[in-house]
Amino acid sequence: MIWALLAGRPVNSSAMNTVRIASSDLLSTFYEQAKALGEILVAEGIADEVEVLVTTGSVMNAEMVACGDADLGFMASNWVPRAVAGTPPFAVPVAVAIAAPLNAGPLFFVAKADSEVESVAQLRGRKVAVGHRDSGMAQHALNMVRAFGWGEDGMDFVFISTFDGGAALATGAVDAQLQAPIPSTHFTELCQRTSIKVVPYADGQIETACQEVPFYTRATVPSEFVPGQDANIPAIGVLNVIVTACEGEPAFTGNMVSAYINRAGELEQVNPLFRGLEDLLAKAKREGIHALAPDGAPLHPASASTFRAAGLLS
């Protein structure tokens, strides 16, 4: 399925400047953020039309960008070094580079409100919905059980879509679901479907994960988006990024990143998923290129030039 944003005039599709963004499923945060980015690209005259492509997530997005089926793709940052190196789940090297950070948000587990599960430690050995097998969410779940010392079978992973995972949680077919940063259409609908609770990490689990996995950081699950939650809950945070093809048009990448930097404050206002984006982009001034492209991932040269021109990278 494709979501298209038009520039408000009759269109000759054969002559249209179309930008295609590979996102994730319809209820995902990537899908909503891709629509918001599309509006910026059209408003800035970088595209006449934006197509937001429904995919299975990060792995598929990288492959689509590299082969020219998408111009931009959204990925969890942990997948980028694997894509470039051609290590599993990638069969061959995939020539993508980071264009810009997308957001840093919490990864957290939810269970039904009446569940006996009171901490993530109690999810060991239980059925947990973690998204498509080749999604960024599934990789995060695997990273966590490894970091916790549980082994790769530390949870009974159920590989199904975000929507189907929510349905499975509501019916009791799974004990918990791993959630992407909120707010999201899926999370809102899940809360409307059944009463849920955020399952807090056990003592030391967040610190352990951040020490073991270089692209993780501390984050919080904001109480304002969780019905019945009175306070923010600490969580593991992940950096998500926008990627483009290594051999892609430098002018397009530079123009896109420039518009993204200039409109970061606006994106924060129109979509809470971008909250903190200006601070995230500015981290490169203090921390260098690692803040934009962690764990040795490549930063597109046009992006690096644009960040330097904006005074955000030395």
C-alpha atoms as a PDB file:
ATOM      1  CA  MET A   1       0.000   0.000   0.000  1.00  0.00           C
ATOM      2  CA  ILE A   2       1.151   3.544  -0.738  1.00  0.00           C
ATOM      3  CA  TRP A   3       0.333   6.810   0.959  1.00  0.00           C
ATOM      4  CA  ALA A   4       0.878   9.725  -1.410  1.00  0.00           C
ATOM      5  CA  LEU A   5       1.181  13.426  -0.672  1.00  0.00           C
ATOM      6  CA  LEU A   6       0.578  15.660  -3.669  1.00  0.00           C
ATOM      7  CA  ALA A   7       1.684  19.223  -4.133  1.00  0.00           C
ATOM      8  CA  GLY A   8      -1.862  20.494  -4.587  1.00  0.00           C
ATOM      9  CA  ARG A   9      -2.147  20.670  -8.353  1.00  0.00           C
ATOM     10  CA  PRO A  10      -3.129  18.377 -11.247  1.00  0.00           C
ATOM     11  CA  VAL A  11      -0.310  15.931 -11.782  1.00  0.00           C
ATOM     12  CA  ASN A  12       1.207  14.291 -14.833  1.00  0.00           C
ATOM     13  CA  SER A  13       2.597  11.155 -13.233  1.00  0.00           C
ATOM     14  CA  SER A  14       5.092  10.566 -16.003  1.00  0.00           C
ATOM     15  CA  ALA A  15       6.706  13.944 -15.311  1.00  0.00           C
ATOM     16  CA  MET A  16       6.425  13.912 -11.518  1.00  0.00           C
ATOM     17  CA  ASN A  17       9.388  14.236  -9.208  1.00  0.00           C
ATOM     18  CA  THR A  18       8.447  11.445  -6.799  1.00  0.00           C
ATOM     19  CA  VAL A  19      10.342  10.591  -3.631  1.00  0.00           C
ATOM     20  CA  ARG A  20       9.698   7.102  -2.240  1.00  0.00           C
ATOM     21  CA  ILE A  21      10.204   6.461   1.476  1.00  0.00           C
ATOM     22  CA  ALA A  22      10.357   2.859   2.713  1.00  0.00           C
ATOM     23  CA  SER A  23       8.758   2.792   6.177  1.00  0.00           C
ATOM     24  CA  SER A  24       7.130  -0.221   7.877  1.00  0.00           C
ATOM     25  CA  ASP A  25       3.566  -1.433   8.378  1.00  0.00           C
ATOM     26  CA  LEU A  26       0.555   0.878   8.393  1.00  0.00           C
ATOM     27  CA  LEU A  27       0.316   1.131  12.179  1.00  0.00           C
ATOM     28  CA  SER A  28       4.025   1.709  12.745  1.00  0.00           C
ATOM     29  CA  THR A  29       5.795   4.806  14.003  1.00  0.00           C
ATOM     30  CA  PHE A  30       8.010   4.730  10.885  1.00  0.00           C
ATOM     31  CA  TYR A  31       4.924   5.051   8.703  1.00  0.00           C
ATOM     32  CA  GLU A  32       3.681   8.115  10.586  1.00  0.00           C
ATOM     33  CA  GLN A  33       7.117   9.734  10.584  1.00  0.00           C
ATOM     34  CA  ALA A  34       7.542   9.101   6.868  1.00  0.00           C
ATOM     35  CA  LYS A  35       4.307  10.970   6.190  1.00  0.00           C
ATOM     36  CA  ALA A  36       5.553  13.916   8.262  1.00  0.00           C
ATOM     37  CA  LEU A  37       8.886  13.961   6.442  1.00  0.00           C
ATOM     38  CA  GLY A  38       7.040  13.774   3.136  1.00  0.00           C
ATOM     39  CA  GLU A  39       5.120  16.929   3.952  1.00  0.00           C
ATOM     40  CA  ILE A  40       8.414  18.723   4.581  1.00  0.00           C
ATOM     41  CA  LEU A  41       9.907  17.542   1.295  1.00  0.00           C
ATOM     42  CA  VAL A  42       6.895  18.752  -0.646  1.00  0.00           C
ATOM     43  CA  ALA A  43       6.735  22.075   1.218  1.00  0.00           C
ATOM     44  CA  GLU A  44      10.434  22.680   0.500  1.00  0.00           C
ATOM     45  CA  GLY A  45      10.023  21.881  -3.202  1.00  0.00           C
ATOM     46  CA  ILE A  46      12.309  18.858  -3.012  1.00  0.00           C
ATOM     47  CA  ALA A  47       9.500  16.594  -4.202  1.00  0.00           C
ATOM     48  CA  ASP A  48       6.237  17.067  -6.031  1.00  0.00           C
ATOM     49  CA  GLU A  49       4.939  13.819  -4.581  1.00  0.00           C
ATOM     50  CA  VAL A  50       6.006  11.499  -1.792  1.00  0.00           C
ATOM     51  CA  GLU A  51       5.099   7.826  -1.685  1.00  0.00           C
ATOM     52  CA  VAL A  52       5.297   6.168   1.704  1.00  0.00           C
ATOM     53  CA  LEU A  53       5.891   2.486   1.052  1.00  0.00           C
ATOM     54  CA  VAL A  54       4.560  -0.177   3.398  1.00  0.00           C
ATOM     55  CA  THR A  55       7.285  -2.736   4.197  1.00  0.00           C
ATOM     56  CA  THR A  56       8.291  -5.274   6.829  1.00  0.00           C
ATOM     57  CA  GLY A  57      10.797  -2.841   8.333  1.00  0.00           C
ATOM     58  CA  SER A  58      14.490  -2.061   8.520  1.00  0.00           C
ATOM     59  CA  VAL A  59      15.988  -4.963   6.557  1.00  0.00           C
ATOM     60  CA  MET A  60      13.579  -4.665   3.662  1.00  0.00           C
ATOM     61  CA  ASN A  61      13.991  -0.875   3.698  1.00  0.00           C
ATOM     62  CA  ALA A  62      17.774  -1.110   3.327  1.00  0.00           C
ATOM     63  CA  GLU A  63      17.478  -3.538   0.442  1.00  0.00           C
ATOM     64  CA  MET A  64      14.874  -1.396  -1.328  1.00  0.00           C
ATOM     65  CA  VAL A  65      17.008   1.745  -1.005  1.00  0.00           C
ATOM     66  CA  ALA A  66      20.156   0.013  -2.215  1.00  0.00           C
ATOM     67  CA  CYS A  67      18.495  -1.448  -5.317  1.00  0.00           C
ATOM     68  CA  GLY A  68      16.690   1.772  -6.220  1.00  0.00           C
ATOM     69  CA  ASP A  69      13.147   0.762  -5.277  1.00  0.00           C
ATOM     70  CA  ALA A  70      13.072   3.521  -2.622  1.00  0.00           C
ATOM     71  CA  ASP A  71      14.901   6.821  -2.308  1.00  0.00           C
ATOM     72  CA  LEU A  72      14.940   6.943   1.478  1.00  0.00           C
ATOM     73  CA  GLY A  73      14.438   4.294   4.112  1.00  0.00           C
ATOM     74  CA  PHE A  74      13.882   4.302   7.856  1.00  0.00           C
ATOM     75  CA  MET A  75      15.989   1.905   9.920  1.00  0.00           C
ATOM     76  CA  ALA A  76      16.941   1.130  13.459  1.00  0.00           C
ATOM     77  CA  SER A  77      20.590   2.180  13.582  1.00  0.00           C
ATOM     78  CA  ASN A  78      21.775  -1.261  14.683  1.00  0.00           C
ATOM     79  CA  TRP A  79      20.930  -2.709  11.271  1.00  0.00           C
ATOM     80  CA  VAL A  80      23.095  -0.307   9.268  1.00  0.00           C
ATOM     81  CA  PRO A  81      26.546  -1.787  10.042  1.00  0.00           C
ATOM     82  CA  ARG A  82      25.138  -5.256   9.359  1.00  0.00           C
ATOM     83  CA  ALA A  83      23.709  -4.115   6.037  1.00  0.00           C
ATOM     84  CA  VAL A  84      26.972  -2.555   4.903  1.00  0.00           C
ATOM     85  CA  ALA A  85      28.998  -5.609   5.961  1.00  0.00           C
ATOM     86  CA  GLY A  86      26.532  -8.119   4.527  1.00  0.00           C
ATOM     87  CA  THR A  87      26.223 -10.010   7.808  1.00  0.00           C
ATOM     88  CA  PRO A  88      22.996 -11.833   8.787  1.00  0.00           C
ATOM     89  CA  PRO A  89      20.188 -11.234   8.199  1.00  0.00           C
ATOM     90  CA  PHE A  90      21.697  -9.640   5.061  1.00  0.00           C
ATOM     91  CA  ALA A  91      22.967 -12.199   2.553  1.00  0.00           C
ATOM     92  CA  VAL A  92      25.253  -9.743   0.743  1.00  0.00           C
ATOM     93  CA  PRO A  93      26.574  -6.233   1.454  1.00  0.00           C
ATOM     94  CA  VAL A  94      23.894  -3.580   1.037  1.00  0.00           C
ATOM     95  CA  ALA A  95      25.226  -0.175  -0.045  1.00  0.00           C
ATOM     96  CA  VAL A  96      23.353   2.271   2.196  1.00  0.00           C
ATOM     97  CA  ALA A  97      24.541   5.190   4.302  1.00  0.00           C
ATOM     98  CA  ILE A  98      22.937   7.246   7.043  1.00  0.00           C
ATOM     99  CA  ALA A  99      21.490  10.548   5.907  1.00  0.00           C
ATOM    100  CA  ALA A 100      20.281  11.781   9.309  1.00  0.00           C
ATOM    101  CA  PRO A 101      19.033  10.621  12.705  1.00  0.00           C
ATOM    102  CA  LEU A 102      15.275  10.106  12.850  1.00  0.00           C
ATOM    103  CA  ASN A 103      14.564   9.895  16.560  1.00  0.00           C
ATOM    104  CA  ALA A 104      15.704   8.317  19.785  1.00  0.00           C
ATOM    105  CA  GLY A 105      12.851   6.682  21.575  1.00  0.00           C
ATOM    106  CA  PRO A 106      12.006   4.029  24.160  1.00  0.00           C
ATOM    107  CA  LEU A 107      11.773   0.304  23.552  1.00  0.00           C
ATOM    108  CA  PHE A 108       9.465  -1.271  26.118  1.00  0.00           C
ATOM    109  CA  PHE A 109       7.255  -4.250  26.783  1.00  0.00           C
ATOM    110  CA  VAL A 110       3.536  -4.195  27.540  1.00  0.00           C
ATOM    111  CA  ALA A 111       1.277  -6.844  29.000  1.00  0.00           C
ATOM    112  CA  LYS A 112      -2.422  -6.971  29.771  1.00  0.00           C
ATOM    113  CA  ALA A 113      -3.294  -4.935  32.833  1.00  0.00           C
ATOM    114  CA  ASP A 114      -4.327  -8.038  34.807  1.00  0.00           C
ATOM    115  CA  SER A 115      -1.190  -9.995  33.876  1.00  0.00           C
ATOM    116  CA  GLU A 116       0.886 -11.536  36.642  1.00  0.00           C
ATOM    117  CA  VAL A 117       4.025 -10.267  34.905  1.00  0.00           C
ATOM    118  CA  GLU A 118       5.478  -7.419  36.991  1.00  0.00           C
ATOM    119  CA  SER A 119       8.944  -6.970  35.436  1.00  0.00           C
ATOM    120  CA  VAL A 120      10.811  -7.793  32.244  1.00  0.00           C
ATOM    121  CA  ALA A 121      12.779 -10.381  34.220  1.00  0.00           C
ATOM    122  CA  GLN A 122       9.563 -12.399  34.434  1.00  0.00           C
ATOM    123  CA  LEU A 123       9.256 -12.519  30.633  1.00  0.00           C
ATOM    124  CA  ARG A 124      12.044 -15.077  30.418  1.00  0.00           C
ATOM    125  CA  GLY A 125      10.660 -18.148  28.654  1.00  0.00           C
ATOM    126  CA  ARG A 126       7.316 -16.493  27.888  1.00  0.00           C
ATOM    127  CA  LYS A 127       5.678 -15.792  24.527  1.00  0.00           C
ATOM    128  CA  VAL A 128       6.444 -12.254  23.351  1.00  0.00           C
ATOM    129  CA  ALA A 129       5.316 -10.658  20.069  1.00  0.00           C
ATOM    130  CA  VAL A 130       8.319  -8.858  18.536  1.00  0.00           C
ATOM    131  CA  GLY A 131       7.290  -7.897  14.990  1.00  0.00           C
ATOM    132  CA  HIS A 132       8.289  -9.424  11.661  1.00  0.00           C
ATOM    133  CA  ARG A 133      11.309 -11.720  11.749  1.00  0.00           C
ATOM    134  CA  ASP A 134      13.411  -9.271   9.684  1.00  0.00           C
ATOM    135  CA  SER A 135      12.223  -6.146  11.462  1.00  0.00           C
ATOM    136  CA  GLY A 136      14.275  -3.866  13.663  1.00  0.00           C
ATOM    137  CA  MET A 137      12.034  -4.755  16.595  1.00  0.00           C
ATOM    138  CA  ALA A 138      12.880  -8.451  16.340  1.00  0.00           C
ATOM    139  CA  GLN A 139      16.578  -7.601  16.361  1.00  0.00           C
ATOM    140  CA  HIS A 140      16.105  -5.440  19.462  1.00  0.00           C
ATOM    141  CA  ALA A 141      14.383  -8.313  21.230  1.00  0.00           C
ATOM    142  CA  LEU A 142      17.310 -10.593  20.367  1.00  0.00           C
ATOM    143  CA  ASN A 143      19.821  -7.980  21.533  1.00  0.00           C
ATOM    144  CA  MET A 144      18.049  -7.730  24.862  1.00  0.00           C
ATOM    145  CA  VAL A 145      17.949 -11.436  25.697  1.00  0.00           C
ATOM    146  CA  ARG A 146      21.631 -11.686  24.774  1.00  0.00           C
ATOM    147  CA  ALA A 147      22.513  -8.681  26.922  1.00  0.00           C
ATOM    148  CA  PHE A 148      20.507 -10.079  29.839  1.00  0.00           C
ATOM    149  CA  GLY A 149      22.491 -13.326  29.600  1.00  0.00           C
ATOM    150  CA  TRP A 150      19.429 -15.410  28.723  1.00  0.00           C
ATOM    151  CA  GLY A 151      20.661 -16.779  25.407  1.00  0.00           C
ATOM    152  CA  GLU A 152      18.883 -16.480  22.065  1.00  0.00           C
ATOM    153  CA  ASP A 153      15.979 -18.635  23.285  1.00  0.00           C
ATOM    154  CA  GLY A 154      15.568 -16.560  26.432  1.00  0.00           C
ATOM    155  CA  MET A 155      12.085 -15.546  25.285  1.00  0.00           C
ATOM    156  CA  ASP A 156       9.663 -17.452  23.093  1.00  0.00           C
ATOM    157  CA  PHE A 157       9.609 -14.938  20.239  1.00  0.00           C
ATOM    158  CA  VAL A 158       6.449 -14.703  18.151  1.00  0.00           C
ATOM    159  CA  PHE A 159       7.238 -13.132  14.771  1.00  0.00           C
ATOM    160  CA  ILE A 160       4.079 -11.362  13.605  1.00  0.00           C
ATOM    161  CA  SER A 161       3.154  -7.856  12.476  1.00  0.00           C
ATOM    162  CA  THR A 162       2.655  -5.002  14.908  1.00  0.00           C
ATOM    163  CA  PHE A 163      -1.116  -5.161  14.488  1.00  0.00           C
ATOM    164  CA  ASP A 164      -1.317  -8.955  14.797  1.00  0.00           C
ATOM    165  CA  GLY A 165       0.947  -8.785  17.844  1.00  0.00           C
ATOM    166  CA  GLY A 166      -1.490  -6.419  19.529  1.00  0.00           C
ATOM    167  CA  ALA A 167      -4.386  -8.697  18.674  1.00  0.00           C
ATOM    168  CA  ALA A 168      -2.494 -11.679  20.085  1.00  0.00           C
ATOM    169  CA  LEU A 169      -1.850  -9.776  23.300  1.00  0.00           C
ATOM    170  CA  ALA A 170      -5.519  -8.829  23.609  1.00  0.00           C
ATOM    171  CA  THR A 171      -6.629 -12.467  23.239  1.00  0.00           C
ATOM    172  CA  GLY A 172      -3.938 -13.846  25.510  1.00  0.00           C
ATOM    173  CA  ALA A 173      -2.105 -15.705  22.741  1.00  0.00           C
ATOM    174  CA  VAL A 174       1.099 -13.970  23.839  1.00  0.00           C
ATOM    175  CA  ASP A 175       2.167 -12.777  27.266  1.00  0.00           C
ATOM    176  CA  ALA A 176       3.648  -9.459  26.139  1.00  0.00           C
ATOM    177  CA  GLN A 177       4.483  -7.314  23.141  1.00  0.00           C
ATOM    178  CA  LEU A 178       7.636  -5.309  22.472  1.00  0.00           C
ATOM    179  CA  GLN A 179       6.687  -1.728  21.613  1.00  0.00           C
ATOM    180  CA  ALA A 180       8.372   0.853  19.417  1.00  0.00           C
ATOM    181  CA  PRO A 181       8.545   4.524  20.495  1.00  0.00           C
ATOM    182  CA  ILE A 182       5.162   6.131  21.097  1.00  0.00           C
ATOM    183  CA  PRO A 183       2.774   7.727  20.325  1.00  0.00           C
ATOM    184  CA  SER A 184       1.715   5.518  17.439  1.00  0.00           C
ATOM    185  CA  THR A 185      -1.535   4.515  15.783  1.00  0.00           C
ATOM    186  CA  HIS A 186      -0.951   0.922  16.805  1.00  0.00           C
ATOM    187  CA  PHE A 187      -0.384   1.739  20.470  1.00  0.00           C
ATOM    188  CA  THR A 188      -3.446   3.983  20.621  1.00  0.00           C
ATOM    189  CA  GLU A 189      -5.618   1.271  19.089  1.00  0.00           C
ATOM    190  CA  LEU A 190      -4.129  -1.361  21.384  1.00  0.00           C
ATOM    191  CA  CYS A 191      -5.003   0.730  24.444  1.00  0.00           C
ATOM    192  CA  GLN A 192      -8.534   1.143  23.115  1.00  0.00           C
ATOM    193  CA  ARG A 193      -8.843  -2.598  22.501  1.00  0.00           C
ATOM    194  CA  THR A 194      -7.679  -3.814  25.894  1.00  0.00           C
ATOM    195  CA  SER A 195      -6.328  -2.526  29.178  1.00  0.00           C
ATOM    196  CA  ILE A 196      -2.534  -2.766  29.194  1.00  0.00           C
ATOM    197  CA  LYS A 197       0.375  -1.895  31.434  1.00  0.00           C
ATOM    198  CA  VAL A 198       4.001  -1.092  30.768  1.00  0.00           C
ATOM    199  CA  VAL A 199       6.223  -3.859  32.142  1.00  0.00           C
ATOM    200  CA  PRO A 200       9.181  -2.153  33.868  1.00  0.00           C
ATOM    201  CA  TYR A 201      12.718  -3.374  33.347  1.00  0.00           C
ATOM    202  CA  ALA A 202      14.243  -5.136  36.327  1.00  0.00           C
ATOM    203  CA  ASP A 203      17.036  -3.502  38.328  1.00  0.00           C
ATOM    204  CA  GLY A 204      20.203  -3.300  36.259  1.00  0.00           C
ATOM    205  CA  GLN A 205      18.705  -4.452  32.959  1.00  0.00           C
ATOM    206  CA  ILE A 206      18.760  -1.008  31.315  1.00  0.00           C
ATOM    207  CA  GLU A 207      22.323  -0.359  32.418  1.00  0.00           C
ATOM    208  CA  THR A 208      23.436  -3.794  31.217  1.00  0.00           C
ATOM    209  CA  ALA A 209      21.832  -3.364  27.799  1.00  0.00           C
ATOM    210  CA  CYS A 210      23.389   0.077  27.348  1.00  0.00           C
ATOM    211  CA  GLN A 211      26.815  -1.288  28.261  1.00  0.00           C
ATOM    212  CA  GLU A 212      26.526  -4.297  25.962  1.00  0.00           C
ATOM    213  CA  VAL A 213      24.956  -2.610  22.927  1.00  0.00           C
ATOM    214  CA  PRO A 214      26.659   0.604  21.681  1.00  0.00           C
ATOM    215  CA  PHE A 215      23.587   2.095  20.024  1.00  0.00           C
ATOM    216  CA  TYR A 216      21.372   1.859  23.124  1.00  0.00           C
ATOM    217  CA  THR A 217      20.860   4.654  25.612  1.00  0.00           C
ATOM    218  CA  ARG A 218      18.557   5.466  28.499  1.00  0.00           C
ATOM    219  CA  ALA A 219      15.062   6.677  27.642  1.00  0.00           C
ATOM    220  CA  THR A 220      11.654   6.992  29.271  1.00  0.00           C
ATOM    221  CA  VAL A 221       8.154   5.859  28.393  1.00  0.00           C
ATOM    222  CA  PRO A 222       6.113   9.092  28.669  1.00  0.00           C
ATOM    223  CA  SER A 223       3.131   8.732  30.955  1.00  0.00           C
ATOM    224  CA  GLU A 224       0.986  11.093  28.874  1.00  0.00           C
ATOM    225  CA  PHE A 225       0.594   8.456  26.155  1.00  0.00           C
ATOM    226  CA  VAL A 226      -0.198   5.466  28.392  1.00  0.00           C
ATOM    227  CA  PRO A 227      -3.702   5.352  29.920  1.00  0.00           C
ATOM    228  CA  GLY A 228      -3.551   4.825  33.669  1.00  0.00           C
ATOM    229  CA  GLN A 229       0.193   5.452  33.932  1.00  0.00           C
ATOM    230  CA  ASP A 230       0.966   8.186  36.440  1.00  0.00           C
ATOM    231  CA  ALA A 231       4.712   8.586  35.936  1.00  0.00           C
ATOM    232  CA  ASN A 232       7.329   8.195  33.254  1.00  0.00           C
ATOM    233  CA  ILE A 233       8.953   4.759  33.274  1.00  0.00           C
ATOM    234  CA  PRO A 234      12.678   4.237  32.516  1.00  0.00           C
ATOM    235  CA  ALA A 235      13.388   2.236  29.370  1.00  0.00           C
ATOM    236  CA  ILE A 236      16.046   1.250  26.868  1.00  0.00           C
ATOM    237  CA  GLY A 237      16.329   3.840  24.095  1.00  0.00           C
ATOM    238  CA  VAL A 238      17.375   3.322  20.478  1.00  0.00           C
ATOM    239  CA  LEU A 239      18.469   5.640  17.700  1.00  0.00           C
ATOM    240  CA  ASN A 240      16.498   5.304  14.481  1.00  0.00           C
ATOM    241  CA  VAL A 241      17.897   6.775  11.275  1.00  0.00           C
ATOM    242  CA  ILE A 242      17.099   7.802   7.707  1.00  0.00           C
ATOM    243  CA  VAL A 243      19.239   6.029   5.099  1.00  0.00           C
ATOM    244  CA  THR A 244      19.903   6.627   1.427  1.00  0.00           C
ATOM    245  CA  ALA A 245      21.898   4.770  -1.207  1.00  0.00           C
ATOM    246  CA  CYS A 246      25.671   5.226  -1.068  1.00  0.00           C
ATOM    247  CA  GLU A 247      25.620   5.917  -4.805  1.00  0.00           C
ATOM    248  CA  GLY A 248      22.500   8.080  -4.609  1.00  0.00           C
ATOM    249  CA  GLU A 249      22.321  11.626  -5.933  1.00  0.00           C
ATOM    250  CA  PRO A 250      24.365  13.826  -3.538  1.00  0.00           C
ATOM    251  CA  ALA A 251      22.337  16.946  -4.323  1.00  0.00           C
ATOM    252  CA  PHE A 252      19.092  15.227  -3.324  1.00  0.00           C
ATOM    253  CA  THR A 253      20.576  13.905  -0.082  1.00  0.00           C
ATOM    254  CA  GLY A 254      22.064  17.285   0.787  1.00  0.00           C
ATOM    255  CA  ASN A 255      18.820  19.139   0.048  1.00  0.00           C
ATOM    256  CA  MET A 256      16.775  16.637   2.034  1.00  0.00           C
ATOM    257  CA  VAL A 257      19.060  16.880   5.066  1.00  0.00           C
ATOM    258  CA  SER A 258      19.129  20.681   4.867  1.00  0.00           C
ATOM    259  CA  ALA A 259      15.320  20.841   4.850  1.00  0.00           C
ATOM    260  CA  TYR A 260      15.192  18.315   7.690  1.00  0.00           C
ATOM    261  CA  ILE A 261      17.564  20.382   9.825  1.00  0.00           C
ATOM    262  CA  ASN A 262      15.738  23.636   9.068  1.00  0.00           C
ATOM    263  CA  ARG A 263      12.326  22.155   9.831  1.00  0.00           C
ATOM    264  CA  ALA A 264      13.303  20.086  12.874  1.00  0.00           C
ATOM    265  CA  GLY A 265      11.491  22.413  15.267  1.00  0.00           C
ATOM    266  CA  GLU A 266       8.367  22.240  13.142  1.00  0.00           C
ATOM    267  CA  LEU A 267       8.493  18.439  13.072  1.00  0.00           C
ATOM    268  CA  GLU A 268       8.703  18.421  16.878  1.00  0.00           C
ATOM    269  CA  GLN A 269       5.528  20.503  17.032  1.00  0.00           C
ATOM    270  CA  VAL A 270       3.450  18.485  14.553  1.00  0.00           C
ATOM    271  CA  ASN A 271       4.440  14.976  15.617  1.00  0.00           C
ATOM    272  CA  PRO A 272       5.461  13.934  19.157  1.00  0.00           C
ATOM    273  CA  LEU A 273       7.597  11.140  17.702  1.00  0.00           C
ATOM    274  CA  PHE A 274      10.061  13.858  16.696  1.00  0.00           C
ATOM    275  CA  ARG A 275      10.212  15.351  20.182  1.00  0.00           C
ATOM    276  CA  GLY A 276      13.830  16.192  21.000  1.00  0.00           C
ATOM    277  CA  LEU A 277      14.919  16.168  17.345  1.00  0.00           C
ATOM    278  CA  GLU A 278      16.721  19.513  17.505  1.00  0.00           C
ATOM    279  CA  ASP A 279      18.738  18.354  20.516  1.00  0.00           C
ATOM    280  CA  LEU A 280      19.437  15.042  18.783  1.00  0.00           C
ATOM    281  CA  LEU A 281      20.804  16.786  15.684  1.00  0.00           C
ATOM    282  CA  ALA A 282      22.880  19.140  17.831  1.00  0.00           C
ATOM    283  CA  LYS A 283      24.580  16.244  19.660  1.00  0.00           C
ATOM    284  CA  ALA A 284      27.067  15.996  16.796  1.00  0.00           C
ATOM    285  CA  LYS A 285      28.539  19.341  17.899  1.00  0.00           C
ATOM    286  CA  ARG A 286      29.502  17.742  21.206  1.00  0.00           C
ATOM    287  CA  GLU A 287      30.019  14.091  20.321  1.00  0.00           C
ATOM    288  CA  GLY A 288      31.092  14.197  16.673  1.00  0.00           C
ATOM    289  CA  ILE A 289      30.059  11.922  13.855  1.00  0.00           C
ATOM    290  CA  HIS A 290      29.221   9.042  16.238  1.00  0.00           C
ATOM    291  CA  ALA A 291      26.099  10.940  17.306  1.00  0.00           C
ATOM    292  CA  LEU A 292      24.810  10.821  13.730  1.00  0.00           C
ATOM    293  CA  ALA A 293      26.137   7.410  12.679  1.00  0.00           C
ATOM    294  CA  PRO A 294      26.885   5.158  15.672  1.00  0.00           C
ATOM    295  CA  ASP A 295      28.759   1.875  15.839  1.00  0.00           C
ATOM    296  CA  GLY A 296      30.875   2.574  12.752  1.00  0.00           C
ATOM    297  CA  ALA A 297      27.949   3.041  10.399  1.00  0.00           C
ATOM    298  CA  PRO A 298      28.724   5.205   7.341  1.00  0.00           C
ATOM    299  CA  LEU A 299      27.407   8.766   7.134  1.00  0.00           C
ATOM    300  CA  HIS A 300      26.627   9.857   3.576  1.00  0.00           C
ATOM    301  CA  PRO A 301      29.221  12.439   2.432  1.00  0.00           C
ATOM    302  CA  ALA A 302      26.505  14.880   1.350  1.00  0.00           C
ATOM    303  CA  SER A 303      24.964  14.616   4.804  1.00  0.00           C
ATOM    304  CA  ALA A 304      28.291  15.255   6.495  1.00  0.00           C
ATOM    305  CA  SER A 305      28.821  18.348   4.339  1.00  0.00           C
ATOM    306  CA  THR A 306      25.319  19.620   5.116  1.00  0.00           C
ATOM    307  CA  PHE A 307      25.722  19.130   8.870  1.00  0.00           C
ATOM    308  CA  ARG A 308      29.054  20.976   8.751  1.00  0.00           C
ATOM    309  CA  ALA A 309      27.526  23.827   6.749  1.00  0.00           C
ATOM    310  CA  ALA A 310      24.784  24.102   9.383  1.00  0.00           C
ATOM    311  CA  GLY A 311      27.397  24.330  12.138  1.00  0.00           C
ATOM    312  CA  LEU A 312      26.307  21.006  13.624  1.00  0.00           C
ATOM    313  CA  LEU A 313      29.435  19.009  12.881  1.00  0.00           C
ATOM    314  CA  SER A 314      33.057  20.075  13.183  1.00  0.00           C
END
